[in-house]
Amino acid sequence: MTSEPKHARKPLKIILDSNALFVPFQFKIDIFEELKRLFGKNFDLVLLLPVKRELEKLAQRGSPKMRKSASYALKLGEKCILFDINEKIPGSTDDAIVQMAHEWNCPVFTNDRELRKRLRNINVPVIYVRQKSRLEVDGMI
């Protein structure tokens, strides 16, 4: 009978904002490889349902270029764990991201300046694109 050691760690959760899924398309950065480079350990990419819905709206109602980008982002989102928090958190998508990141004590991948500021104010690490060429982490994980 084998069991996991008590000190075995769960993979790190990383919450993705919608704009994180545009990064490969916008900057030609492989976010999955870059995150492996940054963390060097197991992680789970989490897509909150409000973020997915935001992308679906853009894929249906955005400009032709935005529809194409959002469809691509949704495809990438299929590689993530979808987490339904609908009933749990009222407010905007950003409010949901902030609350879940605080609750789970996990980093968020976003390029949204206002959201980054809100997250840093509550000591949540933020992953973002630096110099249009690589990902960087602001804060301790």
Protein backbone atom coordinates (compact mmCIF):
# COMPACT_ATOMS: atom_id res chain seq x y z
CA MET A 1 0.00 0.00 0.00
CA THR A 2 1.51 3.31 -1.07
CA SER A 3 0.43 6.67 0.12
CA GLU A 4 1.63 10.19 -0.55
CA PRO A 5 4.00 11.63 1.99
CA LYS A 6 2.39 14.08 4.35
CA HIS A 7 4.60 16.85 3.05
CA ALA A 8 3.53 16.29 -0.60
CA ARG A 9 2.33 19.58 -1.96
CA LYS A 10 -0.66 20.33 -4.06
CA PRO A 11 0.13 22.10 -7.30
CA LEU A 12 0.23 25.89 -7.08
CA LYS A 13 -2.98 27.46 -8.38
CA ILE A 14 -2.55 30.37 -10.79
CA ILE A 15 -5.67 32.35 -11.64
CA LEU A 16 -5.78 33.73 -15.16
CA ASP A 17 -7.37 37.03 -16.11
CA SER A 18 -8.81 37.15 -19.62
CA ASN A 19 -5.93 39.25 -20.94
CA ALA A 20 -3.42 36.57 -19.85
CA LEU A 21 -4.88 34.29 -22.51
CA PHE A 22 -4.28 36.98 -25.17
CA VAL A 23 -0.53 37.04 -24.41
CA PRO A 24 0.47 34.21 -26.82
CA PHE A 25 -1.46 35.87 -29.63
CA GLN A 26 -0.33 39.43 -28.82
CA PHE A 27 3.31 38.94 -27.84
CA LYS A 28 4.14 35.49 -29.25
CA ILE A 29 4.99 34.21 -25.76
CA ASP A 30 4.28 30.58 -24.86
CA ILE A 31 2.69 31.22 -21.47
CA PHE A 32 2.79 27.55 -20.46
CA GLU A 33 6.56 27.29 -21.05
CA GLU A 34 7.21 30.68 -19.44
CA LEU A 35 5.26 29.69 -16.32
CA LYS A 36 7.26 26.45 -16.11
CA ARG A 37 10.44 28.54 -16.37
CA LEU A 38 9.26 30.90 -13.65
CA PHE A 39 8.04 28.33 -11.15
CA GLY A 40 9.83 25.12 -12.00
CA LYS A 41 7.17 23.15 -10.18
CA ASN A 42 3.66 21.84 -10.60
CA PHE A 43 0.96 24.41 -11.08
CA ASP A 44 -2.67 24.41 -12.12
CA LEU A 45 -3.96 27.20 -14.31
CA VAL A 46 -7.40 28.23 -13.12
CA LEU A 47 -9.98 29.92 -15.32
CA LEU A 48 -12.86 31.35 -13.30
CA LEU A 49 -16.24 31.05 -15.00
CA PRO A 50 -16.78 34.86 -15.10
CA VAL A 51 -13.49 35.18 -17.02
CA LYS A 52 -14.61 32.52 -19.50
CA ARG A 53 -17.93 34.31 -19.96
CA GLU A 54 -16.09 37.57 -20.60
CA LEU A 55 -14.07 35.85 -23.34
CA GLU A 56 -17.21 34.30 -24.84
CA LYS A 57 -18.84 37.74 -25.09
CA LEU A 58 -15.77 39.13 -26.84
CA ALA A 59 -15.71 36.14 -29.20
CA GLN A 60 -19.33 36.83 -30.18
CA ARG A 61 -19.64 40.61 -30.11
CA GLY A 62 -16.16 42.10 -30.46
CA SER A 63 -14.54 43.57 -33.55
CA PRO A 64 -13.47 40.96 -36.12
CA LYS A 65 -9.89 41.06 -34.78
CA MET A 66 -11.12 40.78 -31.18
CA ARG A 67 -13.44 37.88 -32.05
CA LYS A 68 -10.48 35.99 -33.54
CA SER A 69 -8.25 36.73 -30.52
CA ALA A 70 -11.00 35.82 -28.02
CA SER A 71 -11.71 32.54 -29.84
CA TYR A 72 -8.02 31.69 -29.65
CA ALA A 73 -7.98 32.65 -25.95
CA LEU A 74 -10.97 30.36 -25.31
CA LYS A 75 -9.09 27.51 -26.99
CA LEU A 76 -6.15 28.08 -24.63
CA GLY A 77 -8.61 28.27 -21.75
CA GLU A 78 -9.56 24.66 -22.44
CA LYS A 79 -6.14 23.68 -21.02
CA CYS A 80 -7.10 25.27 -17.70
CA ILE A 81 -9.23 24.08 -14.80
CA LEU A 82 -12.60 25.81 -15.03
CA PHE A 83 -13.85 26.91 -11.63
CA ASP A 84 -17.49 27.94 -11.23
CA ILE A 85 -17.90 30.64 -8.57
CA ASN A 86 -21.09 32.21 -9.94
CA GLU A 87 -23.26 31.95 -6.88
CA LYS A 88 -20.42 32.71 -4.53
CA ILE A 89 -19.20 36.17 -5.53
CA PRO A 90 -21.31 39.10 -6.69
CA GLY A 91 -19.69 41.97 -8.57
CA SER A 92 -17.29 42.29 -11.47
CA THR A 93 -14.96 39.69 -12.90
CA ASP A 94 -12.06 41.55 -11.29
CA ASP A 95 -13.83 41.38 -7.90
CA ALA A 96 -14.13 37.60 -8.32
CA ILE A 97 -10.44 37.29 -9.22
CA VAL A 98 -9.36 39.39 -6.23
CA GLN A 99 -11.54 37.46 -3.79
CA MET A 100 -10.53 34.00 -5.01
CA ALA A 101 -6.81 34.89 -5.14
CA HIS A 102 -7.03 36.17 -1.57
CA GLU A 103 -9.04 33.14 -0.42
CA TRP A 104 -6.72 30.60 -2.11
CA ASN A 105 -3.57 32.62 -1.42
CA CYS A 106 -2.43 32.16 -5.00
CA PRO A 107 -0.92 34.35 -7.74
CA VAL A 108 -2.86 35.94 -10.59
CA PHE A 109 -1.65 36.31 -14.16
CA THR A 110 -2.88 39.65 -15.52
CA ASN A 111 -1.65 42.65 -17.48
CA ASP A 112 -4.49 44.87 -16.27
CA ARG A 113 -2.85 47.76 -14.40
CA GLU A 114 -5.80 48.45 -12.08
CA LEU A 115 -6.27 44.79 -11.19
CA ARG A 116 -2.52 44.41 -10.56
CA LYS A 117 -2.67 47.36 -8.17
CA ARG A 118 -5.66 45.91 -6.29
CA LEU A 119 -3.92 42.55 -5.95
CA ARG A 120 -0.63 44.04 -4.77
CA ASN A 121 -2.54 46.07 -2.16
CA ILE A 122 -3.63 42.80 -0.55
CA ASN A 123 -0.21 41.14 -1.03
CA VAL A 124 -1.25 38.78 -3.81
CA PRO A 125 1.63 37.95 -6.20
CA VAL A 126 1.02 39.07 -9.78
CA ILE A 127 2.41 37.53 -12.97
CA TYR A 128 2.60 39.91 -15.91
CA VAL A 129 4.33 40.49 -19.25
CA ARG A 130 7.62 42.36 -18.97
CA GLN A 131 9.14 44.19 -21.97
CA LYS A 132 6.73 42.39 -24.32
CA SER A 133 9.05 39.38 -24.24
CA ARG A 134 8.79 37.44 -20.97
CA LEU A 135 6.71 36.85 -17.86
CA GLU A 136 7.69 38.22 -14.50
CA VAL A 137 6.33 37.86 -10.95
CA ASP A 138 5.72 40.80 -8.66
CA GLY A 139 5.54 39.54 -5.06
CA MET A 140 6.52 36.46 -3.10
CA ILE A 141 5.05 33.05 -3.85
